[in-house]
Structure formats: structure tokens, C-alpha cells
Amino acid sequence: MATATLTIDLTALTNNWRALDAMTECETAAVVKADGYGLGADRVARSLANAGARTFFVAATEEAASLRQALGPGPVINIFSGHMSGDTDMISDLHLTPMLNSIDQMLRHVEALPDHPFGIQLDTGMNRLGMEPGEWAALRELAEPQNPTLVMSHLACADEPDHPMNAHQLESFLAMTEGMSTPKSLSATGGILLGKDYHFDMTRPGVGLYGGLPFEKAEPVAHVSIPVIQVRDVAQNESVGYGNTWIAERDSRIATVAAGYADGLIRAMGPNMNLFHGSTACPIVGRISMDMIGVDITHLGEDPRELDILTEDQTVDHLADAAGTIGYEILTSLGARYQRRYSS
């Protein structure tokens, strides 16, 4: 086999959901957008539903339609992007719940589906999605009698607990929802960690479910092992890979493994990254190419059949730091070529 194996630990996933749920006294939903952060929304969502999750969030109606097929008729499936033009039939037929983001979406929804559930998304300062205070003030008298299922907003800086934006958005959310009996939601993973004031009636963890920061106690969920295609001896002063960027300082044993930036292993991470044989680190040499990576295994004393890049000790956030990005990007970039295995 010449493709890498991505193993998704569903027990770790559900343990993370339970741990985040235990931090609050409200309902804990689950965000499974972007194909469950790249790990397979169908398997991820079914495991979370079995663990007790009853409400799920996705980015788009098309994602919601696929999720409904996976979960069946019971759970609530909310759509962050709201009720877009052309979505009406899917929303109606599959019993999906759009989070309405504008006056136009509100009018589209109540005209096309007057008795169908919907939620409201408010913009409390992120300037991304949701109704701004003036827009919401003009619409609130129309929206409240329709009994929205949820009113929500999203924190911009929750991964920085001391950032003043958190308190500003909390204050704005409280002001915009004052007097409302509708269930409220402000927090994803980072907001849960900010404490009770941010929890309201529902939290919506995403990246923390999948083993990512800012949930430092999360169990790793994704593990990647890469097969070795070939092993060769490289003499001192010979180079490896494109551009001759790595020159052997001694006679070396170099393994070529079958993965690269086409598999989400970002080229920029190469100089700062290791692969592992058990607990032994093996540095990347040369540039990460589209399908292959060179690895120095001189010190191993044996030629391994495979090497690991996502492990218990080297998580998605370690890879993200090496590439100058965030764990979300690493997770959602894991390519389609991986052989996927689910463990539980």
C-alpha cells in the first residue's frame, strides 16, 4: 500500500465532547461542518449522537442534507449560513433549521416557509455573519412572534481569554437579547473555557472535539501513519529533494515516505517537523513535495515500514505551529488519498 493511513479515534472524540459538556450546565451541541473538520461528518456525527449530542451545526445546507441522511430524523441540524436562495426545498423536506443572518433571509424564510423553525444569528462585533444591532432592532418585532428556536452569536477572540473583545461581545449579546425568552448561544470551544457567563442555554464546540486548541486537555483524535516507499544511502555532501536545500553532513540513511502537501502536509512545515518511529523522532530532510517526504532515519538502526506524523505527542497544533498556521487548517486539509480507519 502506497498511501498514508488516517486513523480517527471515535472514543477520543466522544470523550472530548463529554469533557466539554461537563464544564457547563446547559446543552452541548456539536459542530461538524467541513465534513466533520475533515474526519468524516457521517461517522463523527453518529458517534457524537450516540454519546448524547442532540443538536448539530454545519456551514451550508448541502452539508446539512448529507448529515440528515447520516443521522436520520431525530437530531436538530442548524445551518450557520442561513436560508440562501435555492435552499428552501431542502430546508423544508429534510427538517433543517437555518440561522438567519439578515433581513433578506428573514423575509425569504417567513414567506417561503412560514411555519418552519429557524434561528437568528447576531453580529456582536466580529463583522462576519449575523444581523448588526440596528438591523436587529428593526427586525426584532417581526422575528420574536415567530418563535425562533435559538438566537446566537460568535466570539472572535475566545482563544485569548484576556482579550477585551470577549467582554465587549458578551455585553453586546446581552444588550441585543435583553428580555428575550428564546434559548441563546454564544460559545464554541473557546467560549466554554471562558466560564459560565458565556455559556447561556447552549454551547457549540467544534475544534475541541477533534483534539485541537484552545482545549488543552483534549484527547488527540487524528493519527497519521505514512508508508516508506524506498530507503537509500546518501553520502556526505549529497543533497536530497528539490532545490538542494538539504545537504548531508555525514553519510546518511534516508527514507522516502508516501505523502506530501497534496495530503495536507503543508510545505512550510518541513524544516520544523519530525516523523516518528515509535517514540523516536526522525527529522524531515529537504522540501516536502506533492507526494513524498524525505526523512533521516540514520539513527534508527533499522529500516521501518512506516513512520508516523500525527501521534499522541505530535498533534495537529504542533504541525500547525511548524507551518505557521492553526490546527483547524491542518485538520480540514487532510486529503482524500488517505486510507481512513475508525477506531472505537
Protein backbone atom coordinates (compact mmCIF):
# COMPACT_ATOMS: atom_id res chain seq x y z
CA MET A 1 0.00 0.00 0.00
CA ALA A 2 1.47 3.36 -1.04
CA THR A 3 -0.93 5.75 0.65
CA ALA A 4 -0.91 7.02 4.21
CA THR A 5 -3.42 5.88 6.83
CA LEU A 6 -5.55 8.36 8.76
CA THR A 7 -6.94 6.76 11.91
CA ILE A 8 -9.81 8.57 13.64
CA ASP A 9 -10.26 7.69 17.30
CA LEU A 10 -14.02 7.95 17.88
CA THR A 11 -13.63 7.16 21.58
CA ALA A 12 -11.33 10.16 21.99
CA LEU A 13 -13.82 12.27 20.05
CA THR A 14 -16.73 11.38 22.32
CA ASN A 15 -14.56 11.71 25.42
CA ASN A 16 -13.77 15.27 24.32
CA TRP A 17 -17.46 16.04 23.84
CA ARG A 18 -18.30 14.66 27.29
CA ALA A 19 -15.47 16.62 28.90
CA LEU A 20 -16.66 19.89 27.35
CA ASP A 21 -20.26 19.04 28.23
CA ALA A 22 -19.26 18.51 31.86
CA MET A 23 -17.91 22.08 32.02
CA THR A 24 -21.37 23.60 31.60
CA GLU A 25 -24.90 23.25 32.93
CA CYS A 26 -26.52 23.79 29.53
CA GLU A 27 -26.97 21.77 26.35
CA THR A 28 -23.79 20.93 24.45
CA ALA A 29 -24.23 20.76 20.69
CA ALA A 30 -21.55 19.71 18.16
CA VAL A 31 -20.15 21.47 15.12
CA VAL A 32 -19.48 19.01 12.31
CA LYS A 33 -19.04 21.38 9.36
CA ALA A 34 -16.36 20.85 6.68
CA ASP A 35 -17.00 17.10 6.72
CA GLY A 36 -16.51 16.87 10.46
CA TYR A 37 -13.36 19.02 10.33
CA GLY A 38 -12.02 16.70 7.67
CA LEU A 39 -12.57 13.48 9.63
CA GLY A 40 -15.87 12.31 8.12
CA ALA A 41 -19.07 14.02 9.24
CA ASP A 42 -21.21 10.89 8.98
CA ARG A 43 -19.10 8.74 11.33
CA VAL A 44 -18.24 11.67 13.61
CA ALA A 45 -21.85 12.80 14.00
CA ARG A 46 -23.22 9.31 14.61
CA SER A 47 -20.66 8.75 17.36
CA LEU A 48 -21.50 12.09 18.96
CA ALA A 49 -25.21 11.35 18.73
CA ASN A 50 -24.63 8.02 20.48
CA ALA A 51 -22.73 9.92 23.18
CA GLY A 52 -25.71 12.23 23.75
CA ALA A 53 -25.44 15.14 21.32
CA ARG A 54 -28.86 16.15 20.03
CA THR A 55 -28.08 19.36 18.14
CA PHE A 56 -25.56 19.76 15.32
CA PHE A 57 -24.25 22.73 13.35
CA VAL A 58 -22.95 22.82 9.78
CA ALA A 59 -21.89 25.64 7.45
CA ALA A 60 -24.14 25.07 4.43
CA THR A 61 -27.48 23.49 3.53
CA GLU A 62 -25.78 20.91 1.33
CA GLU A 63 -23.76 19.74 4.33
CA ALA A 64 -26.96 19.61 6.37
CA ALA A 65 -28.65 17.44 3.76
CA SER A 66 -25.84 14.88 3.87
CA LEU A 67 -25.86 14.95 7.65
CA ARG A 68 -29.59 14.30 7.78
CA GLN A 69 -29.05 11.15 5.72
CA ALA A 70 -26.40 10.02 8.22
CA LEU A 71 -28.35 10.86 11.39
CA GLY A 72 -31.95 10.19 10.46
CA PRO A 73 -34.97 12.23 11.53
CA GLY A 74 -34.28 12.90 15.21
CA PRO A 75 -31.46 15.42 15.80
CA VAL A 76 -31.70 19.15 15.16
CA ILE A 77 -29.40 20.31 12.34
CA ASN A 78 -28.66 24.04 12.28
CA ILE A 79 -27.16 25.88 9.29
CA PHE A 80 -24.77 28.76 10.00
CA SER A 81 -25.13 30.30 6.53
CA GLY A 82 -28.90 30.64 6.98
CA HIS A 83 -31.59 30.39 4.33
CA MET A 84 -29.88 31.04 1.00
CA SER A 85 -31.66 31.37 -2.33
CA GLY A 86 -32.35 27.87 -3.68
CA ASP A 87 -32.26 26.20 -0.26
CA THR A 88 -35.98 26.23 0.50
CA ASP A 89 -36.89 22.72 -0.65
CA MET A 90 -34.00 21.05 1.18
CA ILE A 91 -34.70 23.01 4.36
CA SER A 92 -38.36 22.03 4.24
CA ASP A 93 -38.08 18.42 3.10
CA LEU A 94 -35.23 17.49 5.45
CA HIS A 95 -36.42 19.47 8.50
CA LEU A 96 -33.32 21.65 8.70
CA THR A 97 -33.02 24.83 10.76
CA PRO A 98 -31.34 27.88 9.20
CA MET A 99 -29.68 30.51 11.38
CA LEU A 100 -30.99 33.64 9.64
CA ASN A 101 -28.36 36.33 9.13
CA SER A 102 -30.15 39.28 7.51
CA ILE A 103 -33.48 40.95 6.83
CA ASP A 104 -33.44 39.42 3.33
CA GLN A 105 -33.04 35.92 4.77
CA MET A 106 -35.78 36.56 7.31
CA LEU A 107 -38.21 37.68 4.62
CA ARG A 108 -37.25 34.77 2.35
CA HIS A 109 -37.84 32.29 5.16
CA VAL A 110 -41.16 33.55 6.51
CA GLU A 111 -42.58 33.96 3.00
CA ALA A 112 -41.47 30.55 1.70
CA LEU A 113 -41.78 28.50 4.93
CA PRO A 114 -43.99 30.45 7.32
CA ASP A 115 -44.35 27.66 9.89
CA HIS A 116 -40.84 26.20 9.64
CA PRO A 117 -38.31 26.51 12.51
CA PHE A 118 -35.46 29.00 12.24
CA GLY A 119 -32.81 30.59 14.43
CA ILE A 120 -31.27 34.05 14.45
CA GLN A 121 -27.58 34.90 14.20
CA LEU A 122 -26.49 38.28 15.57
CA ASP A 123 -23.28 40.17 14.85
CA THR A 124 -21.79 41.33 18.14
CA GLY A 125 -18.61 42.74 16.63
CA MET A 126 -16.95 40.07 14.51
CA ASN A 127 -18.34 41.60 11.28
CA ARG A 128 -18.65 38.27 9.53
CA LEU A 129 -22.19 36.85 9.72
CA GLY A 130 -25.32 37.94 11.53
CA MET A 131 -27.57 40.94 11.99
CA GLU A 132 -25.99 44.13 13.29
CA PRO A 133 -27.64 45.95 16.20
CA GLY A 134 -29.56 48.42 14.03
CA GLU A 135 -30.76 45.73 11.65
CA TRP A 136 -31.84 43.51 14.55
CA ALA A 137 -33.66 46.35 16.27
CA ALA A 138 -35.72 46.89 13.10
CA LEU A 139 -36.46 43.18 12.73
CA ARG A 140 -36.92 42.01 16.29
CA GLU A 141 -40.64 42.80 16.50
CA LEU A 142 -41.20 40.64 13.41
CA ALA A 143 -38.88 37.82 14.47
CA GLU A 144 -39.86 37.25 18.11
CA PRO A 145 -43.54 36.38 17.48
CA GLN A 146 -42.32 33.70 15.04
CA ASN A 147 -40.69 31.86 18.00
CA PRO A 148 -37.12 31.33 16.78
CA THR A 149 -35.54 28.17 18.16
CA LEU A 150 -32.22 29.87 19.01
CA VAL A 151 -30.53 33.24 18.95
CA MET A 152 -26.75 33.04 18.64
CA SER A 153 -23.56 34.97 18.02
CA HIS A 154 -19.91 34.04 17.64
CA LEU A 155 -16.84 35.16 19.60
CA ALA A 156 -13.89 36.48 17.61
CA CYS A 157 -11.12 36.14 20.24
CA ALA A 158 -12.24 33.36 22.59
CA ASP A 159 -8.90 31.57 22.22
CA GLU A 160 -7.32 34.56 24.02
CA PRO A 161 -9.04 34.61 27.45
CA ASP A 162 -7.80 38.08 28.40
CA HIS A 163 -8.69 39.75 25.12
CA PRO A 164 -11.07 42.71 25.72
CA MET A 165 -13.13 41.69 22.69
CA ASN A 166 -14.63 38.81 24.69
CA ALA A 167 -16.20 41.07 27.31
CA HIS A 168 -17.26 43.54 24.61
CA GLN A 169 -19.09 40.86 22.64
CA LEU A 170 -20.70 39.43 25.77
CA GLU A 171 -22.01 42.87 26.67
CA SER A 172 -23.30 43.39 23.13
CA PHE A 173 -25.00 40.00 23.08
CA LEU A 174 -26.71 40.65 26.40
CA ALA A 175 -27.91 44.04 25.17
CA MET A 176 -29.23 42.69 21.86
CA THR A 177 -31.09 39.81 23.52
CA GLU A 178 -32.38 41.62 26.61
CA GLY A 179 -35.86 40.45 27.53
CA MET A 180 -35.87 37.52 25.09
CA SER A 181 -37.03 34.12 26.31
CA THR A 182 -35.57 32.39 23.24
CA PRO A 183 -32.68 29.99 24.00
CA LYS A 184 -29.31 31.66 23.48
CA SER A 185 -25.86 30.52 22.36
CA LEU A 186 -22.60 32.48 22.26
CA SER A 187 -19.77 29.99 22.78
CA ALA A 188 -17.82 27.49 20.75
CA THR A 189 -14.84 25.65 22.31
CA GLY A 190 -13.00 28.76 23.44
CA GLY A 191 -16.12 30.33 24.90
CA ILE A 192 -16.80 27.26 27.02
CA LEU A 193 -13.37 27.73 28.61
CA LEU A 194 -14.14 31.40 29.38
CA GLY A 195 -16.64 30.35 32.04
CA LYS A 196 -20.30 30.33 32.99
CA ASP A 197 -21.10 33.89 31.90
CA TYR A 198 -20.51 32.82 28.30
CA HIS A 199 -22.46 29.55 28.32
CA PHE A 200 -26.14 30.64 28.15
CA ASP A 201 -28.51 27.84 27.03
CA MET A 202 -26.31 26.03 24.50
CA THR A 203 -22.63 25.76 23.61
CA ARG A 204 -21.32 24.71 20.21
CA PRO A 205 -17.85 23.11 20.47
CA GLY A 206 -16.02 22.43 17.24
CA VAL A 207 -12.24 22.11 17.14
CA GLY A 208 -12.01 20.95 20.77
CA LEU A 209 -13.97 17.83 19.84
CA TYR A 210 -11.29 16.90 17.33
CA GLY A 211 -8.32 17.34 19.66
CA GLY A 212 -7.42 20.95 18.89
CA LEU A 213 -6.56 24.05 20.90
CA PRO A 214 -7.67 26.00 22.85
CA PHE A 215 -8.93 22.87 24.66
CA GLU A 216 -5.54 21.83 26.05
CA LYS A 217 -6.91 18.72 27.78
CA ALA A 218 -8.41 17.32 24.59
CA GLU A 219 -7.51 13.78 23.65
CA PRO A 220 -5.89 13.50 20.18
CA VAL A 221 -8.40 12.21 17.65
CA ALA A 222 -6.47 12.10 14.35
CA HIS A 223 -3.42 9.87 13.82
CA VAL A 224 -1.47 9.59 10.55
CA SER A 225 0.98 6.84 9.57
CA ILE A 226 2.86 7.05 6.25
CA PRO A 227 4.36 4.06 4.40
CA VAL A 228 8.02 4.08 3.42
CA ILE A 229 8.40 3.71 -0.34
CA GLN A 230 12.16 3.45 -0.52
CA VAL A 231 15.27 3.72 1.65
CA ARG A 232 18.65 4.79 0.31
CA ASP A 233 22.15 5.64 1.45
CA VAL A 234 23.14 9.26 0.87
CA ALA A 235 26.82 10.11 1.06
CA GLN A 236 28.19 13.13 2.89
CA ASN A 237 27.77 16.31 0.80
CA GLU A 238 25.00 14.82 -1.37
CA SER A 239 21.59 16.55 -1.41
CA VAL A 240 18.00 15.37 -1.00
CA GLY A 241 14.90 16.82 -2.68
CA TYR A 242 14.05 19.85 -4.77
CA GLY A 243 16.38 22.83 -4.75
CA ASN A 244 19.26 21.04 -2.97
CA THR A 245 18.06 22.68 0.26
CA TRP A 246 19.39 19.83 2.44
CA ILE A 247 22.98 18.65 2.17
CA ALA A 248 24.10 15.59 4.14
CA GLU A 249 26.70 16.50 6.76
CA ARG A 250 27.56 12.80 7.18
CA ASP A 251 26.81 9.55 5.40
CA SER A 252 23.07 9.11 5.99
CA ARG A 253 20.21 6.67 5.60
CA ILE A 254 17.20 8.42 4.08
CA ALA A 255 13.63 7.10 3.82
CA THR A 256 11.19 8.43 1.23
CA VAL A 257 7.62 8.30 2.56
CA ALA A 258 4.39 8.43 0.56
CA ALA A 259 2.71 11.71 1.49
CA GLY A 260 3.15 15.40 0.83
CA TYR A 261 1.37 18.70 0.50
CA ALA A 262 -1.36 17.09 -1.63
CA ASP A 263 -2.24 15.23 1.57
CA GLY A 264 -2.43 18.38 3.71
CA LEU A 265 1.16 18.18 4.98
CA ILE A 266 1.93 21.80 4.26
CA ARG A 267 5.25 22.52 2.55
CA ALA A 268 6.22 25.21 5.06
CA MET A 269 6.25 22.78 7.99
CA GLY A 270 9.20 20.76 6.67
CA PRO A 271 12.16 22.49 8.36
CA ASN A 272 10.43 22.38 11.76
CA MET A 273 8.94 18.90 11.73
CA ASN A 274 9.73 15.29 12.59
CA LEU A 275 8.21 11.97 11.76
CA PHE A 276 8.29 9.24 14.40
CA HIS A 277 9.23 5.58 14.61
CA GLY A 278 7.58 4.68 17.87
CA SER A 279 8.83 7.38 20.23
CA THR A 280 11.96 8.17 18.21
CA ALA A 281 11.93 11.42 16.25
CA CYS A 282 13.20 11.37 12.67
CA PRO A 283 13.74 14.78 11.06
CA ILE A 284 12.37 15.74 7.67
CA VAL A 285 15.12 16.47 5.17
CA GLY A 286 14.71 18.64 2.09
CA ARG A 287 11.45 20.09 0.89
CA ILE A 288 8.07 18.46 1.32
CA SER A 289 6.91 17.75 -2.23
CA MET A 290 3.45 16.98 -3.55
CA ASP A 291 3.55 13.22 -2.88
CA MET A 292 6.77 12.48 -1.00
CA ILE A 293 8.86 13.48 2.00
CA GLY A 294 12.49 12.63 2.78
CA VAL A 295 13.23 11.55 6.35
CA ASP A 296 16.58 10.95 8.07
CA ILE A 297 16.49 7.50 9.70
CA THR A 298 20.26 7.05 10.11
CA HIS A 299 19.98 6.76 13.88
CA LEU A 300 17.27 4.08 13.88
CA GLY A 301 19.45 1.10 13.09
CA GLU A 302 16.63 -0.44 11.04
CA ASP A 303 14.53 0.39 8.00
CA PRO A 304 10.90 0.97 9.11
CA ARG A 305 7.90 0.04 7.03
CA GLU A 306 6.09 3.24 8.03
CA LEU A 307 6.57 6.44 10.00
CA ASP A 308 4.04 8.50 11.95
CA ILE A 309 3.43 12.23 11.64
CA LEU A 310 0.27 12.71 13.74
CA THR A 311 0.71 10.98 17.07
CA GLU A 312 -0.26 11.25 20.72
CA ASP A 313 2.70 13.58 21.26
CA GLN A 314 2.79 15.43 17.93
CA THR A 315 -0.72 16.81 17.48
CA VAL A 316 -2.43 18.88 14.82
CA ASP A 317 -1.40 22.01 16.70
CA HIS A 318 2.28 21.02 16.65
CA LEU A 319 2.03 20.61 12.88
CA ALA A 320 0.20 23.91 12.68
CA ASP A 321 2.92 25.71 14.65
CA ALA A 322 5.55 24.27 12.33
CA ALA A 323 3.65 25.55 9.29
CA GLY A 324 2.75 28.94 10.77
CA THR A 325 -0.97 28.21 10.72
CA ILE A 326 -3.70 26.82 13.02
CA GLY A 327 -4.89 23.32 13.85
CA TYR A 328 -8.18 23.91 12.03
CA GLU A 329 -6.32 24.21 8.73
CA ILE A 330 -4.30 21.06 9.32
CA LEU A 331 -7.41 19.01 10.14
CA THR A 332 -9.52 20.26 7.25
CA SER A 333 -6.63 19.91 4.77
CA LEU A 334 -6.09 16.19 5.32
CA GLY A 335 -6.51 14.93 1.78
CA ALA A 336 -8.75 12.38 0.16
CA ARG A 337 -5.91 9.94 -0.57
CA TYR A 338 -5.63 8.69 3.00
CA GLN A 339 -6.85 5.22 3.81
CA ARG A 340 -9.29 6.03 6.62
CA ARG A 341 -9.78 3.81 9.62
CA TYR A 342 -12.11 4.43 12.53
CA SER A 343 -11.35 3.04 15.97
CA SER A 344 -13.66 3.00 18.97
